[in-house]
Amino acid sequence: MQIEQLFFDSDGHKQAAAKLSLQDKAQFVLIFGTKKRLLSHEIYDELRQLYPKAYLIGGTTAGEIYDSMVTDDTVSATAVYMEKTTVRFSAVRIEGGQCFEAAAQLVGALPAEGLRHVFVLAEGININGSKLVEGLINRLPEQVTLSGGLVGDGISYKETFIIANAYPARDQLTAIGFYGPYARFGYASVGGWSPFGIERVITKSRDNVLYQFDDKPALALYKEYLGDYAAGLPATGLYFPLMVRSRDYRRTFIRTIQRVNEEEDALVFSGDVPEGYYAKLMRSNIDRLIDGARQAAQKSLKMMGESRVQLAVLVSCVGRKLVLDQLVGEEVEAVRDILKPEVVFTGFYSYGEISSPDKGAICELHNQTMTITLIAEE
């Protein structure tokens, strides 16, 4: 596998990590960046000219990860050529909020024979990420692994855009499928948040909308817990996600507020919050967040066995970035400490992460995690 990177700073000036040599060879280019820069189309046009035969995929972010840095108002581009691995591209538009159907159509367009792994990027706001993941899993062959994330829009939560081999657009899903016996993948998703307070039963919900805890209005109860932070909702909800679990503990995941519905006294999340499940508030601990990133690196690396990791795609939640603040680079450094210096890093801060938390576990939509996808080619 051959990889090269370009970086466009906040003024749009281009920097290349090394001499560019993959122009006609690159199979795909991962592009993550600020909405302002991507919507100008200038960078897309330049990358299309540089890599005329590659699939260009990516999206807007809540921060970019390039090498071992976390940046804002920039664009990173990572061009990849895999000598022995076939790569296929797919993209669909989400119509009428039909996330499950769109996701099934997305992966259904990828030939099933020889498919090993799918990396997915999705719209980050007007979406039910749980239905998205269900649609992906429902259509994919059982042995195919899956990872990716929901793109972002800083902390404004207004609109997100996907690059799907065309200019950035709303309401899109896009995917890259990897084929053949030579590619190796490792993946993991770890949080590091600390639960606190009373565990309550979700007594009324519909998909990703939560109406009641313990038969009491969800928004009012949540505001009571947040105190002074309640005035800043939904943004301040990033500091206090929910840990949600099934009665039998087989499923546990974190959910972050996407928006609030004052009229219905409800909370809207990026993924499902099923009735009958238990929920508990969580809060930050900087050391645990950084250790969570380290654990994600360790788990994903363990899956790789003796394979030499060449590319790491990091998808971390915007809520982690807000809490870590000036220490946000520490979680990327924690991943770098586990992986070798020559591994190429790319990624972004997201509105949701897609992965199995560990090998053999159920693939879920996550919030507030560091999710890592490692790629190697034998």
Protein backbone atom coordinates (compact mmCIF):
# COMPACT_ATOMS: atom_id res chain seq x y z
CA MET A 1 0.00 0.00 0.00
CA GLN A 2 1.18 3.50 -0.87
CA ILE A 3 -0.14 6.60 0.88
CA GLU A 4 0.44 10.31 0.49
CA GLN A 5 -1.11 13.28 2.25
CA LEU A 6 -1.89 16.90 1.56
CA PHE A 7 -2.89 19.51 4.11
CA PHE A 8 -4.61 22.83 3.44
CA ASP A 9 -4.23 25.34 6.26
CA SER A 10 -6.82 27.85 7.46
CA ASP A 11 -5.82 30.22 4.65
CA GLY A 12 -6.20 27.49 2.04
CA HIS A 13 -2.45 27.13 1.47
CA LYS A 14 -1.43 23.61 0.45
CA GLN A 15 1.28 21.60 2.11
CA ALA A 16 2.32 18.11 1.04
CA ALA A 17 3.91 15.61 3.40
CA ALA A 18 6.24 14.43 0.64
CA LYS A 19 6.60 14.49 -3.13
CA LEU A 20 3.29 13.51 -4.74
CA SER A 21 3.55 10.37 -6.85
CA LEU A 22 0.11 8.71 -6.79
CA GLN A 23 -1.74 11.00 -9.18
CA ASP A 24 -2.85 8.33 -11.68
CA LYS A 25 -2.57 5.40 -9.24
CA ALA A 26 -4.60 6.45 -6.18
CA GLN A 27 -7.77 4.41 -5.78
CA PHE A 28 -9.41 6.69 -3.22
CA VAL A 29 -8.80 9.92 -1.35
CA LEU A 30 -10.18 10.59 2.14
CA ILE A 31 -11.01 14.29 2.55
CA PHE A 32 -11.93 15.81 5.93
CA GLY A 33 -12.28 19.50 6.50
CA THR A 34 -13.99 22.67 7.56
CA LYS A 35 -17.29 23.50 5.90
CA LYS A 36 -16.07 26.92 4.80
CA ARG A 37 -13.18 25.47 2.82
CA LEU A 38 -14.96 22.45 1.36
CA LEU A 39 -18.01 24.38 0.16
CA SER A 40 -15.83 26.76 -1.84
CA HIS A 41 -15.15 23.79 -4.20
CA GLU A 42 -11.61 25.01 -4.90
CA ILE A 43 -9.93 22.25 -2.90
CA TYR A 44 -12.18 19.58 -4.38
CA ASP A 45 -11.33 20.78 -7.90
CA GLU A 46 -7.62 20.72 -7.10
CA LEU A 47 -7.80 17.20 -5.67
CA ARG A 48 -9.82 15.97 -8.63
CA GLN A 49 -7.18 17.32 -10.97
CA LEU A 50 -4.40 15.73 -8.90
CA TYR A 51 -6.12 12.33 -8.65
CA PRO A 52 -8.26 11.96 -11.79
CA LYS A 53 -8.94 8.22 -11.37
CA ALA A 54 -9.56 8.12 -7.60
CA TYR A 55 -12.81 8.01 -5.66
CA LEU A 56 -12.97 11.19 -3.59
CA ILE A 57 -14.91 10.68 -0.34
CA GLY A 58 -15.12 12.63 2.90
CA GLY A 59 -17.08 15.34 4.61
CA THR A 60 -17.32 18.32 6.89
CA THR A 61 -16.09 17.96 10.44
CA ALA A 62 -15.97 19.27 13.98
CA GLY A 63 -12.17 19.23 13.75
CA GLU A 64 -9.57 17.47 11.64
CA ILE A 65 -6.97 14.85 12.61
CA TYR A 66 -3.83 14.99 10.49
CA ASP A 67 -0.65 13.15 11.41
CA SER A 68 -0.53 13.57 15.22
CA MET A 69 -2.28 16.95 15.20
CA VAL A 70 -5.83 18.10 15.84
CA THR A 71 -6.68 21.15 13.73
CA ASP A 72 -9.64 23.42 12.97
CA ASP A 73 -10.61 25.30 9.82
CA THR A 74 -8.31 23.13 7.71
CA VAL A 75 -8.62 20.31 5.16
CA SER A 76 -6.68 17.06 5.07
CA ALA A 77 -6.52 14.74 2.07
CA THR A 78 -5.11 11.20 2.20
CA ALA A 79 -4.59 9.43 -1.12
CA VAL A 80 -4.29 5.63 -1.04
CA TYR A 81 -3.16 3.04 -3.57
CA MET A 82 -3.46 -0.63 -2.61
CA GLU A 83 -1.42 -2.84 -4.91
CA LYS A 84 -3.30 -6.11 -4.31
CA THR A 85 -6.71 -4.94 -3.13
CA THR A 86 -9.70 -3.96 -5.25
CA VAL A 87 -11.68 -0.95 -4.04
CA ARG A 88 -15.29 -0.13 -4.92
CA PHE A 89 -17.34 3.02 -4.30
CA SER A 90 -21.00 3.56 -3.49
CA ALA A 91 -23.17 6.58 -2.69
CA VAL A 92 -26.89 7.24 -2.15
CA ARG A 93 -29.11 10.09 -1.06
CA ILE A 94 -31.28 9.71 2.05
CA GLU A 95 -34.85 10.36 0.92
CA GLY A 96 -37.56 11.28 3.42
CA GLY A 97 -35.48 10.28 6.43
CA GLN A 98 -35.43 6.63 5.33
CA CYS A 99 -32.05 5.81 6.87
CA PHE A 100 -32.47 2.03 7.00
CA GLU A 101 -33.50 1.81 3.36
CA ALA A 102 -30.76 4.17 2.16
CA ALA A 103 -28.09 2.24 4.08
CA ALA A 104 -29.25 -1.07 2.64
CA GLN A 105 -29.18 0.44 -0.84
CA LEU A 106 -25.68 1.84 -0.21
CA VAL A 107 -24.05 -1.48 0.59
CA GLY A 108 -26.34 -3.39 -1.76
CA ALA A 109 -24.63 -1.57 -4.62
CA LEU A 110 -21.28 -3.08 -3.61
CA PRO A 111 -20.64 -6.53 -5.14
CA ALA A 112 -20.77 -9.12 -2.34
CA GLU A 113 -18.16 -11.56 -3.66
CA GLY A 114 -14.79 -11.04 -2.01
CA LEU A 115 -15.93 -8.07 0.07
CA ARG A 116 -13.91 -7.82 3.30
CA HIS A 117 -14.60 -4.43 4.91
CA VAL A 118 -16.76 -1.36 4.33
CA PHE A 119 -15.89 2.15 5.51
CA VAL A 120 -18.94 4.41 5.65
CA LEU A 121 -19.42 8.17 5.99
CA ALA A 122 -22.86 9.64 6.60
CA GLU A 123 -24.77 12.88 7.05
CA GLY A 124 -24.46 13.93 10.69
CA ILE A 125 -27.64 15.76 11.73
CA ASN A 126 -30.89 14.75 10.03
CA ILE A 127 -30.27 11.07 10.55
CA ASN A 128 -31.04 8.20 12.88
CA GLY A 129 -27.65 6.53 13.11
CA SER A 130 -29.06 3.37 14.66
CA LYS A 131 -31.35 2.79 11.68
CA LEU A 132 -28.39 3.52 9.43
CA VAL A 133 -26.25 0.84 11.06
CA GLU A 134 -29.15 -1.64 11.10
CA GLY A 135 -29.63 -1.14 7.37
CA LEU A 136 -25.93 -1.66 6.71
CA ILE A 137 -25.73 -4.85 8.76
CA ASN A 138 -28.98 -6.21 7.35
CA ARG A 139 -27.64 -6.10 3.79
CA LEU A 140 -23.97 -6.96 4.31
CA PRO A 141 -22.73 -10.57 4.27
CA GLU A 142 -22.08 -11.78 7.83
CA GLN A 143 -18.29 -11.99 7.48
CA VAL A 144 -17.90 -8.38 6.26
CA THR A 145 -16.72 -5.90 8.89
CA LEU A 146 -17.81 -2.29 9.09
CA SER A 147 -16.61 1.06 10.43
CA GLY A 148 -16.99 4.79 9.81
CA GLY A 149 -18.75 7.82 11.21
CA LEU A 150 -21.23 10.68 10.93
CA VAL A 151 -19.67 13.90 9.66
CA GLY A 152 -19.84 17.16 11.63
CA ASP A 153 -20.38 20.91 11.59
CA GLY A 154 -18.23 22.24 14.41
CA ILE A 155 -20.44 22.81 17.46
CA SER A 156 -23.18 24.58 15.49
CA TYR A 157 -25.22 21.47 14.56
CA LYS A 158 -26.75 23.29 11.56
CA GLU A 159 -25.86 21.31 8.44
CA THR A 160 -23.32 18.73 7.39
CA PHE A 161 -22.02 17.82 3.94
CA ILE A 162 -20.68 14.62 2.40
CA ILE A 163 -18.18 14.35 -0.45
CA ALA A 164 -19.27 11.34 -2.52
CA ASN A 165 -17.07 11.63 -5.60
CA ALA A 166 -18.73 14.96 -6.28
CA TYR A 167 -19.02 18.40 -4.72
CA PRO A 168 -20.15 18.34 -1.05
CA ALA A 169 -23.90 17.70 -0.68
CA ARG A 170 -26.47 17.27 2.09
CA ASP A 171 -28.36 14.09 3.03
CA GLN A 172 -25.76 11.74 1.60
CA LEU A 173 -24.22 8.39 2.45
CA THR A 174 -21.02 7.14 0.87
CA ALA A 175 -18.87 4.05 1.28
CA ILE A 176 -15.67 2.39 0.15
CA GLY A 177 -15.63 -1.41 -0.07
CA PHE A 178 -12.37 -3.39 0.12
CA TYR A 179 -11.98 -6.71 -1.70
CA GLY A 180 -9.62 -9.68 -1.71
CA PRO A 181 -7.49 -11.72 0.69
CA TYR A 182 -4.59 -9.30 1.14
CA ALA A 183 -6.16 -6.44 3.06
CA ARG A 184 -6.21 -6.55 6.88
CA PHE A 185 -8.39 -4.47 9.17
CA GLY A 186 -8.45 -3.72 12.87
CA TYR A 187 -11.12 -1.66 14.58
CA ALA A 188 -12.31 -0.69 18.04
CA SER A 189 -14.43 1.92 19.78
CA VAL A 190 -13.84 3.00 23.40
CA GLY A 191 -15.29 5.87 25.44
CA GLY A 192 -13.86 6.49 28.87
CA TRP A 193 -16.75 8.45 30.39
CA SER A 194 -17.83 8.05 34.02
CA PRO A 195 -21.48 7.35 34.89
CA PHE A 196 -23.08 9.17 37.82
CA GLY A 197 -26.47 9.70 39.43
CA ILE A 198 -29.54 7.48 39.39
CA GLU A 199 -30.10 4.85 36.73
CA ARG A 200 -33.56 5.33 35.24
CA VAL A 201 -35.81 3.31 32.95
CA ILE A 202 -36.70 4.68 29.53
CA THR A 203 -40.47 4.44 29.79
CA LYS A 204 -41.46 6.27 26.61
CA SER A 205 -39.46 6.68 23.41
CA ARG A 206 -39.80 6.40 19.67
CA ASP A 207 -36.67 5.46 17.76
CA ASN A 208 -34.16 8.21 18.63
CA VAL A 209 -36.62 10.48 20.47
CA LEU A 210 -36.78 10.13 24.27
CA TYR A 211 -39.96 11.34 25.95
CA GLN A 212 -39.90 9.89 29.47
CA PHE A 213 -37.61 8.48 32.15
CA ASP A 214 -39.46 6.66 34.93
CA ASP A 215 -42.75 8.08 33.52
CA LYS A 216 -41.45 11.66 33.94
CA PRO A 217 -40.76 14.16 31.11
CA ALA A 218 -37.26 13.53 29.82
CA LEU A 219 -36.26 17.09 28.93
CA ALA A 220 -37.40 18.54 32.27
CA LEU A 221 -35.53 15.84 34.20
CA TYR A 222 -32.41 16.30 32.09
CA LYS A 223 -32.46 20.06 32.63
CA GLU A 224 -32.81 19.48 36.37
CA TYR A 225 -29.62 17.40 36.35
CA LEU A 226 -27.73 19.90 34.21
CA GLY A 227 -28.57 22.93 36.35
CA ASP A 228 -26.84 26.03 34.95
CA TYR A 229 -25.65 24.04 31.92
CA ALA A 230 -29.27 23.58 30.75
CA ALA A 231 -29.36 27.09 29.25
CA GLY A 232 -26.80 26.01 26.66
CA LEU A 233 -28.66 22.98 25.31
CA PRO A 234 -28.23 21.19 22.96
CA ALA A 235 -24.50 22.05 22.80
CA THR A 236 -23.92 21.57 26.54
CA GLY A 237 -25.47 18.12 26.28
CA LEU A 238 -22.14 17.04 24.78
CA TYR A 239 -20.67 17.30 28.27
CA PHE A 240 -23.33 14.99 29.76
CA PRO A 241 -24.11 12.02 27.49
CA LEU A 242 -26.31 9.09 28.44
CA MET A 243 -25.08 5.56 29.02
CA VAL A 244 -27.83 3.26 27.75
CA ARG A 245 -28.01 -0.47 28.40
CA SER A 246 -30.39 -3.34 27.81
CA ARG A 247 -31.87 -5.22 30.75
CA ASP A 248 -29.59 -8.21 30.13
CA TYR A 249 -26.45 -6.02 29.71
CA ARG A 250 -25.82 -7.49 26.25
CA ARG A 251 -25.98 -4.06 24.65
CA THR A 252 -24.40 -0.94 26.14
CA PHE A 253 -23.82 2.27 24.24
CA ILE A 254 -23.52 6.03 24.72
CA ARG A 255 -25.93 8.57 23.30
CA THR A 256 -25.43 12.32 22.89
CA ILE A 257 -28.21 14.86 22.43
CA GLN A 258 -28.65 16.04 18.87
CA ARG A 259 -31.38 18.58 19.63
CA VAL A 260 -34.24 19.26 22.07
CA ASN A 261 -37.99 19.43 21.46
CA GLU A 262 -39.39 21.97 23.93
CA GLU A 263 -42.99 21.49 22.78
CA GLU A 264 -42.98 17.76 23.52
CA ASP A 265 -40.52 17.98 26.45
CA ALA A 266 -38.34 15.49 24.59
CA LEU A 267 -34.70 14.81 23.81
CA VAL A 268 -33.58 13.86 20.28
CA PHE A 269 -30.47 11.70 19.95
CA SER A 270 -28.38 10.61 16.98
CA GLY A 271 -29.36 6.98 17.55
CA ASP A 272 -32.13 4.89 19.07
CA VAL A 273 -32.95 4.95 22.80
CA PRO A 274 -35.23 1.90 23.14
CA GLU A 275 -38.09 1.70 25.60
CA GLY A 276 -37.37 -0.62 28.53
CA TYR A 277 -33.65 0.08 28.41
CA TYR A 278 -31.87 1.71 31.36
CA ALA A 279 -30.12 5.07 31.14
CA LYS A 280 -27.68 6.93 33.34
CA LEU A 281 -25.96 10.27 32.94
CA MET A 282 -22.21 10.40 32.32
CA ARG A 283 -19.61 13.10 32.84
CA SER A 284 -16.05 13.69 31.79
CA ASN A 285 -12.78 12.64 33.28
CA ILE A 286 -9.88 13.82 31.15
CA ASP A 287 -7.53 11.02 32.17
CA ARG A 288 -10.17 8.39 31.40
CA LEU A 289 -10.94 9.91 27.99
CA ILE A 290 -7.29 9.80 27.02
CA ASP A 291 -6.98 6.27 28.36
CA GLY A 292 -10.06 5.32 26.32
CA ALA A 293 -8.25 6.43 23.16
CA ARG A 294 -5.25 4.36 24.20
CA GLN A 295 -7.44 1.31 24.77
CA ALA A 296 -9.05 1.73 21.34
CA ALA A 297 -5.58 1.71 19.79
CA GLN A 298 -4.56 -1.38 21.73
CA LYS A 299 -7.72 -3.31 20.83
CA SER A 300 -7.60 -2.43 17.14
CA LEU A 301 -3.89 -3.23 16.95
CA LYS A 302 -4.42 -6.62 18.60
CA MET A 303 -6.75 -7.59 15.74
CA MET A 304 -3.99 -6.97 13.21
CA GLY A 305 -1.80 -9.79 14.50
CA GLU A 306 1.55 -9.66 12.70
CA SER A 307 0.30 -7.39 9.92
CA ARG A 308 2.17 -4.11 9.54
CA VAL A 309 -0.31 -1.28 10.01
CA GLN A 310 0.02 1.39 7.32
CA LEU A 311 -3.03 3.62 7.76
CA ALA A 312 -5.07 4.63 10.83
CA VAL A 313 -8.40 6.42 10.41
CA LEU A 314 -9.44 8.05 13.69
CA VAL A 315 -13.06 9.12 14.25
CA SER A 316 -13.53 10.81 17.62
CA CYS A 317 -16.64 12.53 18.96
CA VAL A 318 -17.00 16.32 19.08
CA GLY A 319 -18.00 15.98 22.75
CA ARG A 320 -14.57 14.59 23.60
CA LYS A 321 -12.96 17.51 21.80
CA LEU A 322 -14.97 20.02 23.83
CA VAL A 323 -14.16 18.39 27.15
CA LEU A 324 -10.47 17.83 26.41
CA ASP A 325 -10.20 21.39 25.07
CA GLN A 326 -6.53 22.37 24.93
CA LEU A 327 -5.56 18.79 25.78
CA VAL A 328 -7.42 17.33 22.79
CA GLY A 329 -4.15 16.45 21.09
CA GLU A 330 -3.33 14.18 24.01
CA GLU A 331 -5.83 11.54 22.88
CA VAL A 332 -4.28 11.43 19.41
CA GLU A 333 -0.82 11.22 20.97
CA ALA A 334 -2.08 8.33 23.13
CA VAL A 335 -3.00 6.46 19.94
CA ARG A 336 0.35 7.36 18.39
CA ASP A 337 2.15 5.93 21.45
CA ILE A 338 0.60 2.53 20.69
CA LEU A 339 1.10 2.57 16.93
CA LYS A 340 4.44 2.88 15.16
CA PRO A 341 5.69 6.32 14.06
CA GLU A 342 5.47 5.41 10.37
CA VAL A 343 1.70 4.73 10.50
CA VAL A 344 -0.16 7.44 8.58
CA PHE A 345 -2.93 9.13 10.59
CA THR A 346 -6.06 10.77 9.22
CA GLY A 347 -9.52 11.35 10.66
CA PHE A 348 -11.99 13.81 12.06
CA TYR A 349 -14.17 14.83 14.99
CA SER A 350 -17.66 13.52 14.40
CA TYR A 351 -21.33 13.53 15.39
CA GLY A 352 -21.28 9.74 15.76
CA GLU A 353 -18.97 6.76 15.33
CA ILE A 354 -19.66 3.40 13.64
CA SER A 355 -17.80 0.29 14.75
CA SER A 356 -17.86 -2.83 16.83
CA PRO A 357 -16.37 -1.95 20.22
CA ASP A 358 -14.18 -5.03 19.99
CA LYS A 359 -13.65 -8.13 17.86
CA GLY A 360 -16.80 -10.25 17.61
CA ALA A 361 -19.03 -7.63 19.26
CA ILE A 362 -22.14 -6.12 17.67
CA CYS A 363 -21.49 -3.16 15.38
CA GLU A 364 -23.27 -0.10 16.78
CA LEU A 365 -23.62 3.61 16.39
CA HIS A 366 -21.59 5.17 19.21
CA ASN A 367 -21.26 8.66 20.62
CA GLN A 368 -18.43 10.07 22.72
CA THR A 369 -15.94 7.38 21.69
CA MET A 370 -12.57 7.25 19.99
CA THR A 371 -13.13 4.86 17.09
CA ILE A 372 -10.13 3.59 15.14
CA THR A 373 -9.91 1.74 11.83
CA LEU A 374 -6.49 0.27 11.01
CA ILE A 375 -5.66 -0.83 7.46
CA ALA A 376 -2.77 -2.93 6.20
CA GLU A 377 -2.00 -4.86 3.04
CA GLU A 378 0.03 -8.07 3.06
